[in-house]
C-alpha atoms as a PDB file:
ATOM      1  CA  MET A   1     129.393  71.160 144.105  1.00  0.00           C
ATOM      2  CA  GLU A   2     132.285  73.601 144.110  1.00  0.00           C
ATOM      3  CA  ASN A   3     133.677  71.995 140.915  1.00  0.00           C
ATOM      4  CA  VAL A   4     130.329  72.479 139.173  1.00  0.00           C
ATOM      5  CA  VAL A   5     130.248  76.180 140.090  1.00  0.00           C
ATOM      6  CA  VAL A   6     133.840  76.665 138.888  1.00  0.00           C
ATOM      7  CA  TYR A   7     133.030  74.842 135.640  1.00  0.00           C
ATOM      8  CA  HIS A   8     129.959  77.034 134.985  1.00  0.00           C
ATOM      9  CA  PHE A   9     131.922  80.158 135.872  1.00  0.00           C
ATOM     10  CA  ARG A  10     134.702  79.223 133.423  1.00  0.00           C
ATOM     11  CA  SER A  11     132.160  78.432 130.707  1.00  0.00           C
ATOM     12  CA  LEU A  12     130.434  81.747 131.263  1.00  0.00           C
ATOM     13  CA  LEU A  13     133.771  83.590 131.235  1.00  0.00           C
ATOM     14  CA  ILE A  14     134.829  81.917 127.965  1.00  0.00           C
ATOM     15  CA  LEU A  15     131.466  82.718 126.376  1.00  0.00           C
ATOM     16  CA  LEU A  16     131.783  86.322 127.498  1.00  0.00           C
ATOM     17  CA  LEU A  17     135.323  86.618 126.074  1.00  0.00           C
ATOM     18  CA  VAL A  18     134.265  85.120 122.726  1.00  0.00           C
ATOM     19  CA  ASN A  19     131.386  87.601 122.463  1.00  0.00           C
ATOM     20  CA  LEU A  20     133.712  90.465 123.359  1.00  0.00           C
ATOM     21  CA  LEU A  21     136.201  89.404 120.681  1.00  0.00           C
ATOM     22  CA  LEU A  22     133.431  89.114 118.092  1.00  0.00           C
ATOM     23  CA  CYS A  23     132.405  92.674 118.870  1.00  0.00           C
ATOM     24  CA  LEU A  24     135.943  93.865 118.182  1.00  0.00           C
ATOM     25  CA  VAL A  25     136.236  92.171 114.773  1.00  0.00           C
ATOM     26  CA  PRO A  26     135.641  94.763 112.032  1.00  0.00           C
ATOM     27  CA  ARG A  27     132.645  93.978 109.878  1.00  0.00           C
ATOM     28  CA  ALA A  28     132.313  94.543 106.177  1.00  0.00           C
ATOM     29  CA  PRO A  29     129.908  97.346 105.356  1.00  0.00           C
ATOM     30  CA  THR A  30     126.495  96.136 104.355  1.00  0.00           C
ATOM     31  CA  VAL A  31     124.926  97.334 101.147  1.00  0.00           C
ATOM     32  CA  SER A  32     121.209  97.521 100.830  1.00  0.00           C
ATOM     33  CA  ALA A  33     120.016  95.401  97.932  1.00  0.00           C
ATOM     34  CA  SER A  34     117.043  97.679  97.541  1.00  0.00           C
ATOM     35  CA  SER A  35     119.246 100.770  97.162  1.00  0.00           C
ATOM     36  CA  ASP A  36     121.341  98.964  94.541  1.00  0.00           C
ATOM     37  CA  ASN A  37     118.168  97.963  92.723  1.00  0.00           C
ATOM     38  CA  GLU A  38     116.786 101.510  92.927  1.00  0.00           C
ATOM     39  CA  ASP A  39     120.001 102.838  91.376  1.00  0.00           C
ATOM     40  CA  LEU A  40     119.826 100.270  88.580  1.00  0.00           C
ATOM     41  CA  VAL A  41     116.165 101.095  87.924  1.00  0.00           C
ATOM     42  CA  SER A  42     116.971 104.806  87.874  1.00  0.00           C
ATOM     43  CA  GLN A  43     119.872 104.326  85.431  1.00  0.00           C
ATOM     44  CA  PHE A  44     117.550 102.513  83.038  1.00  0.00           C
ATOM     45  CA  LEU A  45     114.409 104.581  83.564  1.00  0.00           C
ATOM     46  CA  VAL A  46     115.509 108.229  83.844  1.00  0.00           C
ATOM     47  CA  PRO A  47     117.240 108.584  80.437  1.00  0.00           C
ATOM     48  CA  GLN A  48     114.441 106.709  78.667  1.00  0.00           C
ATOM     49  CA  ASN A  49     111.859 109.016  80.202  1.00  0.00           C
ATOM     50  CA  GLN A  50     113.959 112.035  79.216  1.00  0.00           C
ATOM     51  CA  ALA A  51     113.838 110.837  75.592  1.00  0.00           C
ATOM     52  CA  ARG A  52     110.077 110.334  75.851  1.00  0.00           C
ATOM     53  CA  ALA A  53     109.588 113.802  77.351  1.00  0.00           C
ATOM     54  CA  GLN A  54     111.431 115.341  74.380  1.00  0.00           C
ATOM     55  CA  VAL A  55     108.728 114.013  72.043  1.00  0.00           C
ATOM     56  CA  GLY A  56     105.785 114.643  74.375  1.00  0.00           C
ATOM     57  CA  ASP A  57     105.239 111.044  75.519  1.00  0.00           C
ATOM     58  CA  PRO A  58     104.235 110.218  79.102  1.00  0.00           C
ATOM     59  CA  PRO A  59     106.935 108.596  81.245  1.00  0.00           C
ATOM     60  CA  LEU A  60     107.391 104.852  81.360  1.00  0.00           C
ATOM     61  CA  VAL A  61     106.634 103.198  84.703  1.00  0.00           C
ATOM     62  CA  TRP A  62     108.861 100.440  86.104  1.00  0.00           C
ATOM     63  CA  ASP A  63     107.034  97.095  86.151  1.00  0.00           C
ATOM     64  CA  GLU A  64     108.464  94.384  88.433  1.00  0.00           C
ATOM     65  CA  ASN A  65     106.766  91.615  86.431  1.00  0.00           C
ATOM     66  CA  VAL A  66     108.316  92.832  83.190  1.00  0.00           C
ATOM     67  CA  ALA A  67     111.649  93.290  85.011  1.00  0.00           C
ATOM     68  CA  SER A  68     111.453  89.669  86.220  1.00  0.00           C
ATOM     69  CA  TYR A  69     110.935  88.555  82.631  1.00  0.00           C
ATOM     70  CA  ALA A  70     113.928  90.662  81.543  1.00  0.00           C
ATOM     71  CA  GLN A  71     116.081  89.237  84.345  1.00  0.00           C
ATOM     72  CA  ALA A  72     115.136  85.650  83.510  1.00  0.00           C
ATOM     73  CA  TYR A  73     116.073  86.203  79.870  1.00  0.00           C
ATOM     74  CA  ALA A  74     119.308  88.020  80.749  1.00  0.00           C
ATOM     75  CA  ASN A  75     120.243  85.075  82.972  1.00  0.00           C
ATOM     76  CA  LYS A  76     119.789  82.750  79.963  1.00  0.00           C
ATOM     77  CA  ARG A  77     122.198  84.910  77.941  1.00  0.00           C
ATOM     78  CA  ARG A  78     124.835  84.852  80.708  1.00  0.00           C
ATOM     79  CA  GLY A  79     126.487  81.789  79.187  1.00  0.00           C
ATOM     80  CA  ASP A  80     127.045  83.223  75.705  1.00  0.00           C
ATOM     81  CA  CYS A  81     126.217  86.953  75.917  1.00  0.00           C
ATOM     82  CA  ALA A  82     124.667  86.616  72.443  1.00  0.00           C
ATOM     83  CA  LEU A  83     122.636  89.470  70.995  1.00  0.00           C
ATOM     84  CA  LYS A  84     119.551  87.328  70.465  1.00  0.00           C
ATOM     85  CA  HIS A  85     116.021  88.521  71.128  1.00  0.00           C
ATOM     86  CA  SER A  86     113.817  86.548  73.496  1.00  0.00           C
ATOM     87  CA  ASN A  87     110.888  86.592  71.042  1.00  0.00           C
ATOM     88  CA  GLY A  88     108.615  87.053  74.032  1.00  0.00           C
ATOM     89  CA  PRO A  89     105.387  88.994  74.511  1.00  0.00           C
ATOM     90  CA  PHE A  90     107.054  92.388  75.061  1.00  0.00           C
ATOM     91  CA  GLY A  91     108.882  94.950  73.001  1.00  0.00           C
ATOM     92  CA  GLU A  92     112.596  94.474  73.592  1.00  0.00           C
ATOM     93  CA  ASN A  93     115.897  96.307  73.356  1.00  0.00           C
ATOM     94  CA  ILE A  94     119.112  94.354  73.907  1.00  0.00           C
ATOM     95  CA  PHE A  95     122.697  95.508  74.395  1.00  0.00           C
ATOM     96  CA  TRP A  96     126.100  93.829  74.564  1.00  0.00           C
ATOM     97  CA  GLY A  97     129.291  95.477  75.769  1.00  0.00           C
ATOM     98  CA  SER A  98     132.847  94.135  75.817  1.00  0.00           C
ATOM     99  CA  GLY A  99     134.212  94.153  79.360  1.00  0.00           C
ATOM    100  CA  SER A 100     132.341  94.601  82.615  1.00  0.00           C
ATOM    101  CA  ASP A 101     132.295  98.402  82.907  1.00  0.00           C
ATOM    102  CA  TRP A 102     129.140  98.991  80.854  1.00  0.00           C
ATOM    103  CA  GLN A 103     126.272 100.480  82.842  1.00  0.00           C
ATOM    104  CA  PRO A 104     122.541 100.833  82.075  1.00  0.00           C
ATOM    105  CA  LYS A 105     122.992 104.498  81.156  1.00  0.00           C
ATOM    106  CA  ASP A 106     125.444 103.401  78.426  1.00  0.00           C
ATOM    107  CA  ALA A 107     122.941 101.000  76.882  1.00  0.00           C
ATOM    108  CA  VAL A 108     120.151 103.586  76.974  1.00  0.00           C
ATOM    109  CA  ALA A 109     122.465 106.229  75.466  1.00  0.00           C
ATOM    110  CA  ALA A 110     123.245 103.878  72.559  1.00  0.00           C
ATOM    111  CA  TRP A 111     119.554 103.173  71.995  1.00  0.00           C
ATOM    112  CA  VAL A 112     118.441 106.799  72.289  1.00  0.00           C
ATOM    113  CA  GLY A 113     121.343 107.872  70.057  1.00  0.00           C
ATOM    114  CA  GLU A 114     119.553 106.207  67.152  1.00  0.00           C
ATOM    115  CA  ASP A 115     117.097 109.135  67.127  1.00  0.00           C
ATOM    116  CA  ARG A 116     119.254 110.839  64.507  1.00  0.00           C
ATOM    117  CA  PHE A 117     118.427 108.018  62.069  1.00  0.00           C
ATOM    118  CA  PHE A 118     114.637 108.166  62.495  1.00  0.00           C
ATOM    119  CA  ASN A 119     112.606 109.984  59.841  1.00  0.00           C
ATOM    120  CA  TYR A 120     109.288 111.054  61.341  1.00  0.00           C
ATOM    121  CA  HIS A 121     107.736 111.814  57.938  1.00  0.00           C
ATOM    122  CA  THR A 122     108.391 108.381  56.443  1.00  0.00           C
ATOM    123  CA  HIS A 123     107.910 106.469  59.719  1.00  0.00           C
ATOM    124  CA  SER A 124     111.186 104.688  59.095  1.00  0.00           C
ATOM    125  CA  CYS A 125     114.917 104.728  59.587  1.00  0.00           C
ATOM    126  CA  ASN A 126     117.094 106.673  57.161  1.00  0.00           C
ATOM    127  CA  GLY A 127     118.872 104.449  54.655  1.00  0.00           C
ATOM    128  CA  PHE A 128     120.264 101.311  56.223  1.00  0.00           C
ATOM    129  CA  GLU A 129     120.649 102.822  59.682  1.00  0.00           C
ATOM    130  CA  GLU A 130     119.221 101.206  62.804  1.00  0.00           C
ATOM    131  CA  CYS A 131     116.632 103.168  64.775  1.00  0.00           C
ATOM    132  CA  GLY A 132     114.317 100.495  66.193  1.00  0.00           C
ATOM    133  CA  HIS A 133     115.744 100.713  69.701  1.00  0.00           C
ATOM    134  CA  TYR A 134     114.967 104.420  69.783  1.00  0.00           C
ATOM    135  CA  THR A 135     111.458 104.017  68.396  1.00  0.00           C
ATOM    136  CA  GLN A 136     110.669 101.330  70.978  1.00  0.00           C
ATOM    137  CA  ILE A 137     111.724 103.673  73.789  1.00  0.00           C
ATOM    138  CA  VAL A 138     109.511 106.512  72.524  1.00  0.00           C
ATOM    139  CA  TRP A 139     106.606 104.311  71.367  1.00  0.00           C
ATOM    140  CA  LYS A 140     103.586 106.279  72.605  1.00  0.00           C
ATOM    141  CA  HIS A 141     101.488 103.242  73.528  1.00  0.00           C
ATOM    142  CA  SER A 142     104.198 101.529  75.600  1.00  0.00           C
ATOM    143  CA  ARG A 143     103.514 102.329  79.258  1.00  0.00           C
ATOM    144  CA  THR A 144     105.695 100.063  81.400  1.00  0.00           C
ATOM    145  CA  VAL A 145     109.259  98.815  81.257  1.00  0.00           C
ATOM    146  CA  GLY A 146     111.461  96.320  83.052  1.00  0.00           C
ATOM    147  CA  CYS A 147     115.176  95.866  82.465  1.00  0.00           C
ATOM    148  CA  ALA A 148     118.101  93.702  83.552  1.00  0.00           C
ATOM    149  CA  ARG A 149     121.900  93.681  83.429  1.00  0.00           C
ATOM    150  CA  VAL A 150     124.160  90.635  83.792  1.00  0.00           C
ATOM    151  CA  ILE A 151     127.883  90.005  83.643  1.00  0.00           C
ATOM    152  CA  CYS A 152     128.365  87.087  81.274  1.00  0.00           C
ATOM    153  CA  HIS A 153     130.703  84.179  81.936  1.00  0.00           C
ATOM    154  CA  ASP A 154     133.296  85.730  79.614  1.00  0.00           C
ATOM    155  CA  GLY A 155     133.234  89.016  81.577  1.00  0.00           C
ATOM    156  CA  ASP A 156     131.192  90.973  79.026  1.00  0.00           C
ATOM    157  CA  ILE A 157     127.862  92.675  79.732  1.00  0.00           C
ATOM    158  CA  PHE A 158     124.388  91.827  78.459  1.00  0.00           C
ATOM    159  CA  MET A 159     121.438  94.155  79.110  1.00  0.00           C
ATOM    160  CA  THR A 160     117.826  94.042  78.074  1.00  0.00           C
ATOM    161  CA  CYS A 161     114.761  96.239  78.502  1.00  0.00           C
ATOM    162  CA  ASN A 162     111.262  94.965  77.820  1.00  0.00           C
ATOM    163  CA  TYR A 163     108.283  97.206  77.069  1.00  0.00           C
ATOM    164  CA  ASN A 164     104.577  96.650  77.630  1.00  0.00           C
ATOM    165  CA  PRO A 165     102.655  96.930  75.457  1.00  0.00           C
ATOM    166  CA  PRO A 166     105.206  96.399  72.687  1.00  0.00           C
ATOM    167  CA  GLY A 167     105.757  98.920  69.917  1.00  0.00           C
ATOM    168  CA  ASN A 168     107.506  99.227  66.562  1.00  0.00           C
ATOM    169  CA  TYR A 169     104.575  98.543  64.264  1.00  0.00           C
ATOM    170  CA  ILE A 170     105.532  99.120  60.638  1.00  0.00           C
ATOM    171  CA  GLY A 171     103.974 102.221  59.121  1.00  0.00           C
ATOM    172  CA  GLN A 172     102.980 103.766  62.451  1.00  0.00           C
ATOM    173  CA  ASN A 173     104.642 106.759  64.044  1.00  0.00           C
ATOM    174  CA  PRO A 174     106.058 106.050  67.477  1.00  0.00           C
ATOM    175  CA  TYR A 175     104.821 109.356  68.937  1.00  0.00           C
END
């Protein structure tokens, strides 16, 4: 009986020491996935809504369903990082950046920067300049948006934003 008590005491002591040692091991800081997601959403949404406010449009609202669509498509582009549209049911802006430092605010700045090429009176872009990304952002009938960012296998960045309902109808003013 005495051997059984000693055995249980030793087992308990070892268990106690292991727990004590585990408490002393430094742990890596935890990052809240939701706070990371909120930051990503904000980086995409805030500058787009600033552009819309400048032309008197109501703000876009983040839509998780549209964001899921954007994420699924971005995941498909991870292998090649190709600037190809999804041809889905939403309006769409896509962005590619060399290297992994590109952030959502960079993509939105590039898209919004096309405003200088848009001619409100002719409802079109000036000359051969691109302005469709800008007009999709400020399209007055688009109400919700969802976006995604992935690091491609080659280390570059692919980003996409999808808009519901879609915009960019030829001959119509965006705002």
